[in-house]
Amino acid sequence: MMLPETFRQTFRGVHGENGDVWLRHLPGRIAGWEQKYGIKIGKYYPMTFHFVAEVTLNGGVEAVIKAGLPADKELINEKNALAVFGRGAGVIKLLEDHTDEGFLLLEKAVPGTVLSDSMEDEKAVAAAAAVMGQIRADDWGSMHFPHLADWFKGLDRAEDIPEKYLKKASAVVKELLSEMNHPTLLHGDLHQKNILSHYGEWKAIDPKGVIGEKEFEVTSFCRNNLFSKQKPFDTLQTRLSIFEKETGLNLHKMIRWGYCGAVLSACWCKEDHMPCADENLKLADLYEKLL
């Protein structure tokens, strides 16, 4: 089974020996799922932390399979987040939940054009802001989701991150959490590649599902593809300005969450053995100019 080597390395880095065992047995798992559920796995999509591919369901419906370890916490969070966000119009639908076996079957976006591939950056920001407004996230009932306070405990586990970043991020996060008055359910990773075209509309995919402040939601979009731009600092300022205009979110809070999110992402990169820590610390430096 010819999986991308970058995916194999990332999956092993995150899950260790369990990940290596899962990768070795994935062909057999897929064959078993195909036989048990009458599905047929097609071509692979780009993947980072989970196996993702086209799938034809029993009856001929085209869909997407997303797979990981059985009872994977991220897949369970995604399933629950899709159930909540699915009350609105801004997300791809969950078709079948098989998280006990380690996979979800999801609605396929058609034609599935990635937001970042379809328009200039400023229009993409406005489109993302519209998707944020369509996602209903004010009531999640008895479902359990992590809180941003849980995520930012990652700062305490940090290794090989300069102390100045950790100290500042910890202080700012403490302030932001104490100021949070109206927590809501956030997508948690709403960047350009997680917004796809679907029959003339833009739909979000791959929600993390985290409780927090709305201003945090823009951090993934502002970070993604930033350093491929000719003037990253100017692009960051423009993105924040458009989000402020289109959503009414607090600019200063977006900047503060942006700084803290960049430092946390650097910590996660180190934790998962991924080569992205330095770029996230560069992003923190840009945000610090705006604080």
Protein backbone atom coordinates (compact mmCIF):
# COMPACT_ATOMS: atom_id res chain seq x y z
CA MET A 1 0.00 0.00 0.00
CA MET A 2 1.77 3.13 -1.26
CA LEU A 3 1.00 5.73 1.38
CA PRO A 4 2.91 9.03 1.30
CA GLU A 5 6.08 8.73 3.35
CA THR A 6 5.43 12.10 4.99
CA PHE A 7 2.12 10.75 6.30
CA ARG A 8 3.80 7.58 7.58
CA GLN A 9 6.43 9.62 9.41
CA THR A 10 3.87 11.99 10.92
CA PHE A 11 1.58 9.16 12.01
CA ARG A 12 4.48 7.33 13.68
CA GLY A 13 5.65 10.57 15.29
CA VAL A 14 2.24 11.20 16.83
CA HIS A 15 1.28 7.63 17.81
CA GLY A 16 4.62 5.90 18.28
CA GLU A 17 4.60 2.08 18.22
CA ASN A 18 0.79 1.99 18.05
CA GLY A 19 0.95 4.08 14.91
CA ASP A 20 3.52 1.79 13.32
CA VAL A 21 1.37 -1.27 14.04
CA TRP A 22 -1.72 0.48 12.63
CA LEU A 23 0.09 1.40 9.41
CA ARG A 24 1.27 -2.18 8.90
CA HIS A 25 -2.26 -3.53 9.34
CA LEU A 26 -4.06 -0.80 7.37
CA PRO A 27 -4.40 -2.81 4.12
CA GLY A 28 -6.10 -5.62 6.02
CA ARG A 29 -8.33 -3.19 7.87
CA ILE A 30 -9.44 -1.58 4.62
CA ALA A 31 -10.19 -4.96 3.06
CA GLY A 32 -12.23 -5.86 6.12
CA TRP A 33 -14.21 -2.61 6.03
CA GLU A 34 -14.90 -3.03 2.32
CA GLN A 35 -16.29 -6.52 2.88
CA LYS A 36 -18.23 -5.70 6.06
CA TYR A 37 -19.86 -2.46 4.89
CA GLY A 38 -20.00 -2.96 1.13
CA ILE A 39 -17.79 0.05 0.44
CA LYS A 40 -14.93 0.52 -2.03
CA ILE A 41 -11.91 2.68 -1.24
CA GLY A 42 -10.73 4.89 -4.10
CA LYS A 43 -7.88 7.33 -4.60
CA TYR A 44 -6.16 8.96 -1.66
CA TYR A 45 -6.47 12.61 -0.66
CA PRO A 46 -3.58 14.61 0.82
CA MET A 47 -3.23 13.44 4.41
CA THR A 48 -1.40 14.61 7.52
CA PHE A 49 -2.69 12.99 10.72
CA HIS A 50 -5.31 10.57 9.32
CA PHE A 51 -5.80 8.31 6.32
CA VAL A 52 -8.20 10.07 3.92
CA ALA A 53 -9.53 8.71 0.63
CA GLU A 54 -12.48 8.64 -1.73
CA VAL A 55 -14.97 5.88 -1.03
CA THR A 56 -18.01 4.52 -2.84
CA LEU A 57 -20.75 3.50 -0.43
CA ASN A 58 -23.09 0.57 -0.79
CA GLY A 59 -25.60 1.95 -3.27
CA GLY A 60 -23.12 3.97 -5.29
CA VAL A 61 -22.95 7.21 -3.30
CA GLU A 62 -19.53 8.92 -3.50
CA ALA A 63 -18.16 9.91 -0.10
CA VAL A 64 -14.93 10.29 1.89
CA ILE A 65 -13.40 7.95 4.47
CA LYS A 66 -11.23 9.35 7.26
CA ALA A 67 -9.44 6.78 9.39
CA GLY A 68 -7.13 6.57 12.38
CA LEU A 69 -6.65 4.48 15.49
CA PRO A 70 -9.79 2.83 16.92
CA ALA A 71 -11.50 5.15 19.43
CA ASP A 72 -9.19 7.96 18.27
CA LYS A 73 -9.99 11.04 20.39
CA GLU A 74 -9.61 13.43 17.47
CA LEU A 75 -12.01 11.43 15.31
CA ILE A 76 -14.52 11.28 18.17
CA ASN A 77 -14.23 15.05 18.66
CA GLU A 78 -14.67 15.57 14.92
CA LYS A 79 -17.76 13.34 14.89
CA ASN A 80 -19.29 15.28 17.76
CA ALA A 81 -18.38 18.66 16.27
CA LEU A 82 -19.94 17.69 12.94
CA ALA A 83 -23.12 16.72 14.78
CA VAL A 84 -23.30 20.19 16.34
CA PHE A 85 -22.16 22.20 13.32
CA GLY A 86 -24.40 20.12 11.08
CA ARG A 87 -27.41 22.05 12.41
CA GLY A 88 -26.11 24.97 10.37
CA ALA A 89 -25.07 25.28 6.74
CA GLY A 90 -21.32 25.75 6.87
CA VAL A 91 -19.94 22.22 7.20
CA ILE A 92 -19.72 18.95 5.33
CA LYS A 93 -22.10 16.35 6.79
CA LEU A 94 -21.24 13.24 8.77
CA LEU A 95 -22.73 10.19 7.02
CA GLU A 96 -21.69 7.28 9.24
CA ASP A 97 -19.83 6.98 12.53
CA HIS A 98 -17.51 4.01 12.94
CA THR A 99 -15.08 5.55 15.43
CA ASP A 100 -15.11 2.31 17.43
CA GLU A 101 -13.30 0.80 14.44
CA GLY A 102 -11.34 3.98 13.73
CA PHE A 103 -13.09 5.66 10.81
CA LEU A 104 -15.77 8.11 9.69
CA LEU A 105 -17.69 8.27 6.43
CA LEU A 106 -18.22 11.86 5.35
CA GLU A 107 -20.08 13.78 2.69
CA LYS A 108 -17.87 14.46 -0.34
CA ALA A 109 -17.46 18.10 -1.38
CA VAL A 110 -18.22 18.60 -5.08
CA PRO A 111 -16.20 19.78 -6.91
CA GLY A 112 -14.08 20.15 -3.75
CA THR A 113 -11.92 23.08 -4.85
CA VAL A 114 -9.69 24.27 -2.00
CA LEU A 115 -10.37 27.87 -0.99
CA SER A 116 -6.72 28.86 -1.26
CA ASP A 117 -6.57 27.59 -4.86
CA SER A 118 -9.56 29.52 -6.15
CA MET A 119 -9.16 33.23 -5.39
CA GLU A 120 -6.86 35.98 -4.19
CA ASP A 121 -6.06 36.13 -0.51
CA GLU A 122 -8.33 39.02 0.48
CA LYS A 123 -11.41 37.42 -1.08
CA ALA A 124 -10.50 34.12 0.57
CA VAL A 125 -10.49 35.81 3.99
CA ALA A 126 -13.96 37.21 3.36
CA ALA A 127 -15.19 33.78 2.25
CA ALA A 128 -13.77 32.17 5.40
CA ALA A 129 -15.45 34.82 7.53
CA ALA A 130 -18.78 33.93 5.90
CA VAL A 131 -18.27 30.24 6.67
CA MET A 132 -17.56 31.11 10.31
CA GLY A 133 -20.84 32.95 10.45
CA GLN A 134 -22.75 29.94 9.08
CA ILE A 135 -21.43 27.47 11.62
CA ARG A 136 -23.87 27.13 14.49
CA ALA A 137 -21.96 26.47 17.66
CA ASP A 138 -23.88 28.00 20.58
CA ASP A 139 -25.37 24.79 21.99
CA TRP A 140 -23.56 21.45 22.21
CA GLY A 141 -25.79 19.83 24.82
CA SER A 142 -24.13 17.11 26.88
CA MET A 143 -21.33 16.42 24.36
CA HIS A 144 -17.84 16.70 25.78
CA PHE A 145 -15.21 18.80 24.01
CA PRO A 146 -11.77 19.99 25.09
CA HIS A 147 -11.45 23.62 26.16
CA LEU A 148 -8.77 26.03 24.95
CA ALA A 149 -7.47 25.86 28.51
CA ASP A 150 -6.80 22.15 27.88
CA TRP A 151 -5.04 22.84 24.59
CA PHE A 152 -2.77 25.46 26.12
CA LYS A 153 -1.53 23.03 28.73
CA GLY A 154 0.75 22.08 25.85
CA LEU A 155 2.86 25.10 26.79
CA ASP A 156 3.77 23.28 30.03
CA ARG A 157 5.01 20.24 28.10
CA ALA A 158 7.16 22.28 25.73
CA GLU A 159 10.70 21.24 24.93
CA ASP A 160 13.33 23.20 22.99
CA ILE A 161 11.16 26.33 22.76
CA PRO A 162 12.88 29.54 23.95
CA GLU A 163 11.66 30.57 27.38
CA LYS A 164 10.72 34.10 26.29
CA TYR A 165 7.96 32.74 24.04
CA LEU A 166 6.60 30.34 26.63
CA LYS A 167 6.61 32.93 29.40
CA LYS A 168 4.80 35.54 27.34
CA ALA A 169 2.28 33.12 25.82
CA SER A 170 1.45 31.65 29.25
CA ALA A 171 0.84 35.12 30.69
CA VAL A 172 -1.32 36.27 27.77
CA VAL A 173 -3.35 33.03 27.71
CA LYS A 174 -4.04 33.40 31.42
CA GLU A 175 -5.41 36.90 30.77
CA LEU A 176 -7.50 35.79 27.80
CA LEU A 177 -9.03 32.83 29.61
CA SER A 178 -9.95 35.04 32.58
CA GLU A 179 -11.62 37.54 30.22
CA MET A 180 -13.63 34.93 28.30
CA ASN A 181 -17.33 35.65 28.83
CA HIS A 182 -19.12 33.76 26.06
CA PRO A 183 -17.31 30.52 25.18
CA THR A 184 -18.59 28.71 22.12
CA LEU A 185 -17.77 25.59 20.14
CA LEU A 186 -15.06 26.37 17.61
CA HIS A 187 -13.94 24.51 14.51
CA GLY A 188 -10.39 24.88 15.81
CA ASP A 189 -8.53 24.49 12.51
CA LEU A 190 -10.44 26.61 9.99
CA HIS A 191 -7.72 27.37 7.46
CA GLN A 192 -7.74 27.67 3.67
CA LYS A 193 -7.29 23.95 2.96
CA ASN A 194 -10.14 23.03 5.29
CA ILE A 195 -12.68 25.05 3.30
CA LEU A 196 -13.88 23.42 0.08
CA SER A 197 -16.37 24.30 -2.65
CA HIS A 198 -19.59 22.26 -2.57
CA TYR A 199 -22.24 22.91 -5.22
CA GLY A 200 -21.59 26.65 -5.33
CA GLU A 201 -21.05 27.15 -1.59
CA TRP A 202 -18.04 27.00 0.71
CA LYS A 203 -18.05 24.25 3.33
CA ALA A 204 -15.71 23.55 6.22
CA ILE A 205 -14.16 20.11 6.75
CA ASP A 206 -12.04 18.50 9.49
CA PRO A 207 -13.27 20.34 12.61
CA LYS A 208 -11.20 19.78 15.74
CA GLY A 209 -14.02 20.73 18.10
CA VAL A 210 -12.79 22.93 20.97
CA ILE A 211 -14.56 25.24 23.41
CA GLY A 212 -13.21 28.76 23.38
CA GLU A 213 -13.49 32.37 22.30
CA LYS A 214 -14.56 33.27 18.77
CA GLU A 215 -11.45 35.38 18.21
CA PHE A 216 -9.31 32.25 18.41
CA GLU A 217 -11.03 30.83 15.33
CA VAL A 218 -9.12 33.08 12.91
CA THR A 219 -5.66 31.94 14.06
CA SER A 220 -5.33 28.92 11.76
CA PHE A 221 -6.37 30.89 8.67
CA CYS A 222 -4.02 33.77 9.49
CA ARG A 223 -1.12 31.35 9.95
CA ASN A 224 -1.63 29.20 6.88
CA ASN A 225 0.28 30.05 3.68
CA LEU A 226 1.53 33.25 5.31
CA PHE A 227 5.23 32.89 4.67
CA SER A 228 4.70 32.06 1.02
CA LYS A 229 3.55 35.66 0.58
CA GLN A 230 5.96 38.35 -0.55
CA LYS A 231 5.25 40.48 2.52
CA PRO A 232 4.06 38.21 5.35
CA PHE A 233 3.64 40.98 7.92
CA ASP A 234 1.50 43.09 5.61
CA THR A 235 -0.57 40.03 4.68
CA LEU A 236 -1.14 39.20 8.35
CA GLN A 237 -2.34 42.73 9.06
CA THR A 238 -4.66 42.66 6.06
CA ARG A 239 -6.16 39.31 7.05
CA LEU A 240 -6.82 40.50 10.59
CA SER A 241 -8.35 43.74 9.33
CA ILE A 242 -10.74 41.89 7.00
CA PHE A 243 -11.77 39.45 9.71
CA GLU A 244 -12.48 42.39 12.02
CA LYS A 245 -14.60 44.08 9.35
CA GLU A 246 -16.49 40.97 8.21
CA THR A 247 -17.12 39.34 11.59
CA GLY A 248 -17.07 42.16 14.13
CA LEU A 249 -14.50 40.27 16.20
CA ASN A 250 -12.19 42.15 18.55
CA LEU A 251 -8.92 42.93 16.76
CA HIS A 252 -6.77 43.07 19.90
CA LYS A 253 -8.07 39.70 21.06
CA MET A 254 -7.40 38.17 17.63
CA ILE A 255 -3.81 39.41 17.86
CA ARG A 256 -3.32 38.08 21.38
CA TRP A 257 -4.82 34.69 20.55
CA GLY A 258 -2.72 34.69 17.38
CA TYR A 259 0.50 35.12 19.34
CA CYS A 260 -0.40 32.41 21.83
CA GLY A 261 -1.63 30.07 19.10
CA ALA A 262 1.63 30.44 17.18
CA VAL A 263 3.67 29.51 20.25
CA LEU A 264 1.38 26.56 21.01
CA SER A 265 1.69 25.35 17.41
CA ALA A 266 5.48 25.50 17.74
CA CYS A 267 5.21 23.34 20.86
CA TRP A 268 3.01 20.83 19.04
CA CYS A 269 5.47 20.71 16.14
CA LYS A 270 8.24 19.74 18.54
CA GLU A 271 6.01 17.24 20.34
CA ASP A 272 4.98 15.56 17.08
CA HIS A 273 8.52 15.66 15.61
CA MET A 274 7.44 17.92 12.74
CA PRO A 275 9.71 20.59 11.16
CA CYS A 276 7.36 23.55 11.65
CA ALA A 277 8.36 25.01 15.01
CA ASP A 278 10.66 27.73 13.67
CA GLU A 279 8.06 29.08 11.26
CA ASN A 280 5.48 29.30 14.04
CA LEU A 281 7.93 31.20 16.22
CA LYS A 282 8.52 33.59 13.31
CA LEU A 283 4.76 34.09 13.23
CA ALA A 284 4.78 34.82 16.97
CA ASP A 285 7.38 37.52 16.29
CA LEU A 286 5.05 39.12 13.73
CA TYR A 287 2.15 39.10 16.15
CA GLU A 288 4.34 40.60 18.88
CA LYS A 289 4.85 43.67 16.67
CA LEU A 290 1.08 44.19 16.79
CA LEU A 291 0.61 43.68 20.54
